[in-house]
Amino acid sequence: MTTEANNTNPDRAKWAIAFARVRQAQQNLEAYIEATRPLKELERLHVEREHNGGR
């Protein structure tokens, strides 16, 4: 093995860990958005009602 090959494996492992963390963060964000969707809809309806004079 060359020195370059030895340096590649730790880098690949670091990238794999980083990618897994980014993917988990993306899944967490999607779960948060889905969980708060009903609240966002209530907020939208409230703002709409306020702008229409409370009707």
C-alpha atoms as a PDB file:
ATOM      1  CA  MET A   1       0.000   0.000   0.000  1.00  0.00           C
ATOM      2  CA  THR A   2       1.091   3.502  -0.640  1.00  0.00           C
ATOM      3  CA  THR A   3       0.904   6.392   1.781  1.00  0.00           C
ATOM      4  CA  GLU A   4      -1.850   7.895  -0.350  1.00  0.00           C
ATOM      5  CA  ALA A   5      -3.988   4.764   0.007  1.00  0.00           C
ATOM      6  CA  ASN A   6      -3.527   4.830   3.790  1.00  0.00           C
ATOM      7  CA  ASN A   7      -4.707   8.435   3.949  1.00  0.00           C
ATOM      8  CA  THR A   8      -7.800   7.719   1.848  1.00  0.00           C
ATOM      9  CA  ASN A   9      -9.465   5.219   4.195  1.00  0.00           C
ATOM     10  CA  PRO A  10      -9.690   7.558   7.220  1.00  0.00           C
ATOM     11  CA  ASP A  11     -10.969  10.284   4.924  1.00  0.00           C
ATOM     12  CA  ARG A  12     -13.646   7.971   3.537  1.00  0.00           C
ATOM     13  CA  ALA A  13     -14.664   7.018   7.051  1.00  0.00           C
ATOM     14  CA  LYS A  14     -14.934  10.697   8.025  1.00  0.00           C
ATOM     15  CA  TRP A  15     -17.032  11.434   4.949  1.00  0.00           C
ATOM     16  CA  ALA A  16     -19.282   8.453   5.672  1.00  0.00           C
ATOM     17  CA  ILE A  17     -19.834   9.696   9.231  1.00  0.00           C
ATOM     18  CA  ALA A  18     -20.489  13.242   8.023  1.00  0.00           C
ATOM     19  CA  PHE A  19     -22.914  12.028   5.369  1.00  0.00           C
ATOM     20  CA  ALA A  20     -24.779   9.905   7.924  1.00  0.00           C
ATOM     21  CA  ARG A  21     -25.093  12.950  10.197  1.00  0.00           C
ATOM     22  CA  VAL A  22     -26.369  15.133   7.366  1.00  0.00           C
ATOM     23  CA  ARG A  23     -28.883  12.448   6.368  1.00  0.00           C
ATOM     24  CA  GLN A  24     -30.076  12.143   9.987  1.00  0.00           C
ATOM     25  CA  ALA A  25     -30.418  15.925  10.225  1.00  0.00           C
ATOM     26  CA  GLN A  26     -32.460  15.915   7.015  1.00  0.00           C
ATOM     27  CA  GLN A  27     -34.751  13.200   8.395  1.00  0.00           C
ATOM     28  CA  ASN A  28     -35.128  15.129  11.655  1.00  0.00           C
ATOM     29  CA  LEU A  29     -36.056  18.284   9.745  1.00  0.00           C
ATOM     30  CA  GLU A  30     -38.628  16.419   7.668  1.00  0.00           C
ATOM     31  CA  ALA A  31     -40.147  14.905  10.831  1.00  0.00           C
ATOM     32  CA  TYR A  32     -40.275  18.363  12.461  1.00  0.00           C
ATOM     33  CA  ILE A  33     -41.986  19.884   9.428  1.00  0.00           C
ATOM     34  CA  GLU A  34     -44.549  17.078   9.358  1.00  0.00           C
ATOM     35  CA  ALA A  35     -45.188  17.350  13.113  1.00  0.00           C
ATOM     36  CA  THR A  36     -45.727  21.121  12.971  1.00  0.00           C
ATOM     37  CA  ARG A  37     -47.826  21.130   9.796  1.00  0.00           C
ATOM     38  CA  PRO A  38     -51.152  21.316  11.732  1.00  0.00           C
ATOM     39  CA  LEU A  39     -49.890  24.292  13.739  1.00  0.00           C
ATOM     40  CA  LYS A  40     -48.786  26.081  10.581  1.00  0.00           C
ATOM     41  CA  GLU A  41     -52.240  25.518   9.095  1.00  0.00           C
ATOM     42  CA  LEU A  42     -53.915  26.949  12.208  1.00  0.00           C
ATOM     43  CA  GLU A  43     -51.590  29.940  12.060  1.00  0.00           C
ATOM     44  CA  ARG A  44     -52.410  30.460   8.373  1.00  0.00           C
ATOM     45  CA  LEU A  45     -56.145  30.343   9.113  1.00  0.00           C
ATOM     46  CA  HIS A  46     -55.754  32.775  12.020  1.00  0.00           C
ATOM     47  CA  VAL A  47     -53.821  35.284   9.915  1.00  0.00           C
ATOM     48  CA  GLU A  48     -56.327  34.919   7.096  1.00  0.00           C
ATOM     49  CA  ARG A  49     -59.198  35.559   9.501  1.00  0.00           C
ATOM     50  CA  GLU A  50     -57.460  38.607  10.991  1.00  0.00           C
ATOM     51  CA  HIS A  51     -56.858  40.097   7.553  1.00  0.00           C
ATOM     52  CA  ASN A  52     -60.480  39.550   6.574  1.00  0.00           C
ATOM     53  CA  GLY A  53     -61.789  41.541   9.531  1.00  0.00           C
ATOM     54  CA  GLY A  54     -62.551  38.596  11.773  1.00  0.00           C
ATOM     55  CA  ARG A  55     -65.102  37.042   9.461  1.00  0.00           C
END
